[in-house]
Protein backbone atom coordinates (compact mmCIF):
# COMPACT_ATOMS: atom_id res chain seq x y z
CA MET A 1 130.19 120.74 100.37
CA VAL A 2 130.10 117.02 101.27
CA ILE A 3 127.57 117.62 104.06
CA THR A 4 125.39 119.83 101.83
CA LEU A 5 125.33 117.25 99.04
CA ALA A 6 124.56 114.41 101.45
CA LEU A 7 121.68 116.37 103.02
CA ALA A 8 120.33 117.17 99.53
CA ALA A 9 120.40 113.45 98.74
CA ALA A 10 118.56 112.69 102.00
CA PHE A 11 115.87 115.24 101.12
CA ALA A 12 115.41 113.72 97.66
CA ASN A 13 115.17 110.23 99.14
CA ALA A 14 112.49 111.35 101.60
CA ILE A 15 110.33 112.77 98.79
CA ALA A 16 110.97 109.71 96.63
CA SER A 17 109.89 107.41 99.48
CA ILE A 18 106.48 109.06 99.63
CA CYS A 19 106.01 108.94 95.84
CA GLN A 20 107.08 105.32 95.64
CA ARG A 21 104.87 104.33 98.57
CA LEU A 22 101.88 105.89 96.81
CA GLY A 23 102.95 104.12 93.62
CA VAL A 24 102.71 100.61 95.09
CA GLU A 25 99.75 101.00 97.47
CA ASP A 26 97.30 99.35 95.06
CA ALA A 27 99.70 96.73 93.72
CA PRO A 28 98.52 93.10 93.75
CA PRO A 29 99.56 91.19 96.89
CA ALA A 30 102.98 89.53 96.70
CA ARG A 31 105.13 87.59 99.13
CA GLY A 32 108.38 89.20 98.07
CA PRO A 33 110.33 90.72 95.16
CA SER A 34 108.79 89.95 91.77
CA MET A 35 108.91 91.15 88.17
CA GLY A 36 105.14 91.58 88.33
CA LEU A 37 105.68 94.32 90.89
CA VAL A 38 108.23 95.97 88.58
CA ARG A 39 105.78 95.93 85.66
CA TYR A 40 103.10 97.44 87.87
CA MET A 41 105.37 100.20 89.18
CA ILE A 42 106.57 101.49 85.82
CA ARG A 43 102.95 102.13 84.77
CA ARG A 44 102.31 104.48 87.70
CA PRO A 45 103.22 108.18 87.02
CA ILE A 46 103.64 108.96 90.72
CA TRP A 47 106.07 106.06 91.06
CA LEU A 48 108.03 107.24 88.00
CA LEU A 49 108.25 110.71 89.55
CA GLY A 50 109.64 109.13 92.71
CA PHE A 51 112.15 107.20 90.61
CA LEU A 52 113.32 110.41 88.93
CA ILE A 53 113.69 112.22 92.25
CA MET A 54 115.57 109.25 93.69
CA GLY A 55 117.92 109.37 90.69
CA LEU A 56 118.69 113.03 91.39
CA GLY A 57 119.32 112.15 95.02
CA TYR A 58 121.66 109.36 93.99
CA ALA A 59 123.63 111.75 91.77
CA SER A 60 124.03 114.13 94.70
CA GLN A 61 125.10 111.28 96.95
CA ALA A 62 127.60 110.04 94.33
CA VAL A 63 129.33 113.42 94.20
CA ALA A 64 129.39 113.53 98.01
CA LEU A 65 130.98 110.08 98.12
CA HIS A 66 133.59 111.12 95.57
CA LEU A 67 134.53 114.18 97.61
CA GLY A 68 134.15 112.54 101.04
CA SER A 69 134.06 109.16 102.72
CA LEU A 70 131.48 106.48 103.42
CA ASN A 71 131.71 107.03 107.18
CA VAL A 72 130.58 110.66 106.73
CA VAL A 73 128.09 110.50 103.86
CA GLN A 74 126.15 107.40 104.86
CA PRO A 75 125.40 108.38 108.49
CA LEU A 76 124.15 111.73 107.18
CA MET A 77 121.56 109.87 105.13
CA ILE A 78 119.72 109.14 108.41
CA SER A 79 118.51 112.73 108.24
CA GLU A 80 116.12 111.43 105.56
CA LEU A 81 113.86 110.19 108.36
CA VAL A 82 113.72 113.62 110.03
CA ILE A 83 112.98 115.24 106.66
CA LEU A 84 110.28 112.66 105.92
CA VAL A 85 108.47 113.45 109.18
CA LEU A 86 108.72 117.19 108.47
CA VAL A 87 107.24 116.71 104.98
CA LEU A 88 104.34 114.69 106.38
CA TRP A 89 103.77 117.42 108.96
CA LEU A 90 104.07 120.45 106.69
CA TRP A 91 102.62 119.13 103.42
CA TYR A 92 100.00 116.69 104.70
CA ALA A 93 99.07 118.65 107.84
CA SER A 94 99.61 115.55 109.98
CA PRO A 95 99.77 116.18 113.73
CA LEU A 96 103.25 116.28 115.23
CA ARG A 97 103.33 115.27 118.89
CA PRO A 98 105.93 116.37 121.48
CA ARG A 99 107.43 112.89 121.23
CA ASP A 100 108.10 113.52 117.54
CA PHE A 101 109.95 116.76 118.29
CA VAL A 102 112.04 115.01 120.94
CA SER A 103 112.84 112.12 118.58
CA ALA A 104 113.85 114.48 115.75
CA PHE A 105 116.04 116.46 118.13
CA ALA A 106 117.66 113.27 119.46
CA ALA A 107 118.36 111.96 115.96
CA ALA A 108 119.91 115.27 114.89
CA ILE A 109 121.98 115.70 118.06
CA GLY A 110 123.14 112.08 118.03
CA LEU A 111 124.16 112.28 114.37
CA GLY A 112 125.97 115.60 114.81
CA GLY A 113 127.69 114.41 117.97
CA PHE A 114 128.88 111.22 116.30
CA LEU A 115 130.37 113.06 113.31
CA ILE A 116 132.14 115.60 115.54
CA LEU A 117 133.44 113.10 118.09
CA SER A 118 134.48 110.37 115.64
CA ALA A 119 136.37 112.76 113.33
CA PRO A 120 136.02 110.39 110.34
CA THR A 121 139.06 110.17 108.08
CA ASP A 122 139.19 109.41 104.38
CA GLY A 123 140.76 106.11 103.48
CA THR A 124 143.90 105.94 101.36
CA LYS A 125 143.60 102.23 100.63
CA VAL A 126 142.85 101.05 97.06
CA PRO A 127 140.91 97.78 97.35
CA SER A 128 142.04 94.87 95.22
CA ASN A 129 139.62 92.90 93.05
CA ALA A 130 140.06 89.93 95.38
CA LEU A 131 138.98 92.04 98.36
CA TRP A 132 136.02 93.37 96.41
CA LEU A 133 135.01 89.80 95.59
CA VAL A 134 135.12 88.70 99.24
CA VAL A 135 133.21 91.73 100.52
CA GLY A 136 130.67 91.52 97.69
CA ALA A 137 130.05 87.82 98.29
CA LEU A 138 129.50 88.33 102.02
CA VAL A 139 127.12 91.23 101.44
CA MET A 140 125.12 89.32 98.83
CA LEU A 141 124.91 86.35 101.17
CA ALA A 142 123.48 88.62 103.88
CA VAL A 143 120.95 90.08 101.43
CA ALA A 144 119.88 86.61 100.31
CA LEU A 145 119.46 85.32 103.88
CA LEU A 146 117.40 88.35 104.93
CA SER A 147 115.20 88.10 101.82
CA VAL A 148 114.56 84.40 102.30
CA SER A 149 113.77 84.96 105.99
CA ALA A 150 111.14 87.50 104.92
CA ARG A 151 109.12 84.90 102.99
CA GLY A 152 106.87 84.22 105.99
CA GLY A 153 105.70 85.69 109.25
CA PRO A 154 103.65 88.76 110.17
CA PRO A 155 103.69 91.77 107.81
CA TRP A 156 105.82 93.94 110.13
CA ARG A 157 108.53 91.26 110.30
CA ARG A 158 108.58 90.76 106.53
CA ALA A 159 108.77 94.51 105.91
CA MET A 160 111.56 94.87 108.47
CA LEU A 161 113.66 92.04 107.03
CA LEU A 162 113.20 93.15 103.43
CA GLY A 163 114.06 96.72 104.44
CA ALA A 164 117.23 95.45 106.10
CA ALA A 165 118.11 93.39 103.00
CA ALA A 166 117.69 96.42 100.74
CA SER A 167 119.68 98.57 103.15
CA VAL A 168 122.62 96.14 103.15
CA GLY A 169 122.53 96.06 99.36
CA PHE A 170 122.49 99.85 99.19
CA ALA A 171 125.52 100.00 101.51
CA LEU A 172 127.52 97.94 99.03
CA LEU A 173 126.10 100.09 96.23
CA SER A 174 127.49 103.21 97.93
CA ALA A 175 130.96 101.65 98.15
CA ILE A 176 130.84 100.72 94.45
CA THR A 177 129.57 104.21 93.61
CA LYS A 178 132.61 105.74 95.30
CA ALA A 179 134.91 103.49 93.27
CA MET A 180 132.99 104.30 90.09
CA THR A 181 133.26 108.06 90.56
CA ASN A 182 137.00 107.71 91.06
CA LEU A 183 137.17 105.94 87.69
CA LEU A 184 134.91 108.48 86.03
CA VAL A 185 137.33 111.36 86.59
CA THR A 186 139.88 109.49 84.45
CA GLY A 187 137.49 109.28 81.50
CA TRP A 188 134.37 107.54 80.23
CA GLY A 189 136.44 104.80 78.61
CA ALA A 190 137.78 103.64 81.96
CA LEU A 191 134.27 103.62 83.38
CA PHE A 192 132.68 101.50 80.66
CA GLY A 193 135.63 99.11 80.71
CA SER A 194 135.32 98.49 84.46
CA TRP A 195 133.30 95.89 86.34
CA GLN A 196 132.04 98.52 88.79
CA LEU A 197 129.53 100.01 86.34
CA TYR A 198 127.85 96.68 85.61
CA ALA A 199 127.91 95.56 89.24
CA LEU A 200 126.30 98.90 90.10
CA CYS A 201 123.42 98.23 87.71
CA VAL A 202 122.79 94.68 88.95
CA ILE A 203 123.08 95.43 92.68
CA GLY A 204 121.21 98.70 92.37
CA LEU A 205 118.27 97.14 90.53
CA GLY A 206 118.11 94.19 92.90
CA SER A 207 118.21 96.36 96.03
CA PHE A 208 115.64 98.70 94.54
CA VAL A 209 113.15 95.90 93.83
CA ILE A 210 113.63 94.53 97.35
CA MET A 211 112.99 98.02 98.77
CA GLN A 212 109.74 98.36 96.81
CA SER A 213 108.66 94.95 98.08
CA ALA A 214 109.39 96.08 101.64
CA PHE A 215 107.05 99.06 101.12
CA GLN A 216 104.36 96.75 99.80
CA VAL A 217 104.32 93.81 102.20
CA GLY A 218 104.00 95.52 105.58
CA PRO A 219 104.02 98.68 107.70
CA PHE A 220 105.99 101.57 106.31
CA ALA A 221 107.47 102.22 109.77
CA ALA A 222 109.09 98.78 109.87
CA SER A 223 110.63 98.94 106.41
CA GLN A 224 111.68 102.59 106.69
CA SER A 225 113.39 102.14 110.05
CA THR A 226 115.61 99.28 108.87
CA LEU A 227 116.23 100.97 105.53
CA ILE A 228 117.53 104.03 107.35
CA LEU A 229 119.34 102.49 110.33
CA VAL A 230 121.10 99.43 108.90
CA ASN A 231 122.86 101.23 106.05
CA PRO A 232 125.25 103.56 107.96
CA PHE A 233 126.59 100.79 110.20
CA VAL A 234 127.20 98.43 107.29
CA SER A 235 128.69 101.30 105.26
CA ILE A 236 131.13 102.23 108.02
CA LEU A 237 132.29 98.61 108.19
CA ILE A 238 132.62 98.31 104.41
CA GLY A 239 134.46 101.64 104.22
CA HIS A 240 136.96 100.45 106.81
CA VAL A 241 137.57 97.08 105.13
CA LEU A 242 137.74 98.33 101.53
CA TYR A 243 139.16 101.84 101.77
CA GLY A 244 140.82 101.91 105.16
CA GLU A 245 138.51 104.65 106.46
CA SER A 246 138.69 105.06 110.22
CA LEU A 247 137.09 106.75 113.20
CA ARG A 248 138.79 108.36 116.17
CA GLY A 249 139.90 105.70 118.67
CA GLY A 250 140.62 105.60 122.40
CA PRO A 251 138.32 104.55 125.26
CA PHE A 252 137.10 108.08 125.94
CA TYR A 253 136.11 108.96 122.37
CA VAL A 254 134.82 105.50 121.52
CA SER A 255 132.51 105.61 124.55
CA LEU A 256 131.13 108.98 123.48
CA GLU A 257 130.77 107.80 119.88
CA VAL A 258 128.76 104.78 121.02
CA LEU A 259 126.61 107.03 123.20
CA SER A 260 126.00 109.40 120.27
CA LEU A 261 125.03 106.49 118.05
CA ALA A 262 122.66 105.19 120.72
CA VAL A 263 120.97 108.61 120.95
CA MET A 264 120.77 108.82 117.16
CA VAL A 265 119.26 105.33 116.86
CA ALA A 266 116.77 106.01 119.65
CA GLY A 267 115.65 109.20 117.93
CA ALA A 268 115.40 107.51 114.54
CA LEU A 269 113.38 104.63 115.98
CA GLY A 270 111.11 107.12 117.72
CA LEU A 271 110.45 108.80 114.39
CA SER A 272 109.97 105.46 112.63
CA THR A 273 107.20 104.53 115.06
CA SER A 274 105.67 107.99 115.04
CA SER A 275 101.98 108.18 114.19
CA LEU A 276 102.97 110.22 111.14
CA ILE A 277 104.87 107.28 109.66
CA ALA A 278 103.35 104.28 111.42
CA THR A 279 99.93 105.01 109.89
CA VAL A 280 101.19 105.76 106.39
CA HIS A 281 100.62 102.13 105.48
CA GLU A 282 97.04 100.93 105.77
CA GLU A 283 95.57 97.64 104.64
CA HIS A 284 93.10 99.39 102.34
CA SER A 285 94.22 102.22 100.09
CA ASP A 286 91.00 104.17 100.78
CA ALA A 287 92.19 104.55 104.37
CA HIS A 288 95.69 105.58 103.37
CA LEU A 289 96.96 108.51 105.41
CA LEU A 290 98.29 110.33 102.34
CA LYS A 291 95.30 109.80 100.08
CA GLY A 292 93.92 113.23 99.14
CA ARG A 293 95.72 114.91 102.04
CA GLY A 294 98.41 116.95 100.27
CA ARG A 295 98.24 120.76 100.22
CA TYR A 296 97.76 120.79 96.43
CA GLU A 297 94.93 118.27 96.66
CA ARG A 298 93.21 120.27 99.41
CA TRP A 299 93.57 123.46 97.35
CA ARG A 300 92.15 121.71 94.28
CA GLN A 301 89.17 120.38 96.23
CA ARG A 302 88.42 123.87 97.60
CA SER A 303 88.70 125.38 94.12
CA THR A 304 86.30 122.89 92.54
CA SER A 305 83.77 123.26 95.37
CA ARG A 306 83.38 127.01 94.82
């Protein structure tokens, strides 16, 4: 059930990424996160659809986190990248090269091998408020440093750093979500009286705005790769510190786990730089890879031309 829910969340996130990318393609130029970008986004129907789909994905991920652990659910979210490439191939009829097949296979095999070899265990630790404060402060510091570093430089670097900042924020968001769902089962009163709900709103909104800025300022491949790859590693670390979650130890298994992660990362990076994703972002929206390319749009154009 945990794996099914996590994969459903990854699928929703892949669809939401496309909708949100289309929703900001004509936004006025900006150097980073801004409220002007937020005002622009909420007036775009395609962006609002992406937001709704992302919300459904988050709900699925929240249930998975309640039933499972961060070190299982968050690595599974990497499958979003494989799903995204498949959607671009099947729905937009984009060419899929042999390299793309190899990369998708490597990402899937690496992810599966890591989960099998590491045998992740649920944590039994209940984090104290003091520990939450320390972890939260360190994560927010990392997000701030990455965001400030993205204020200058070439577009690919800015997109990469902003994607990494959003990914780190989302890792903390997942940990808070797990704590929030544990409170929710005791009743709504406990939830609304807790700090987790309000921290969730602030961190979630901030990370979301940073993610949208990453889509806007540079190549989709750069932002998407760091969004996907940074999160599971940070989540595993946070899960260990806060909840006491652990992976199988010993030189033999640790070596194989590292190898599996390397294969997974190589496959994910191969997909991130695939022509399907690398050309999604174009300087001019008229040259956008997705513009008018969907199966529905092609069917509509054929229908009107008859």
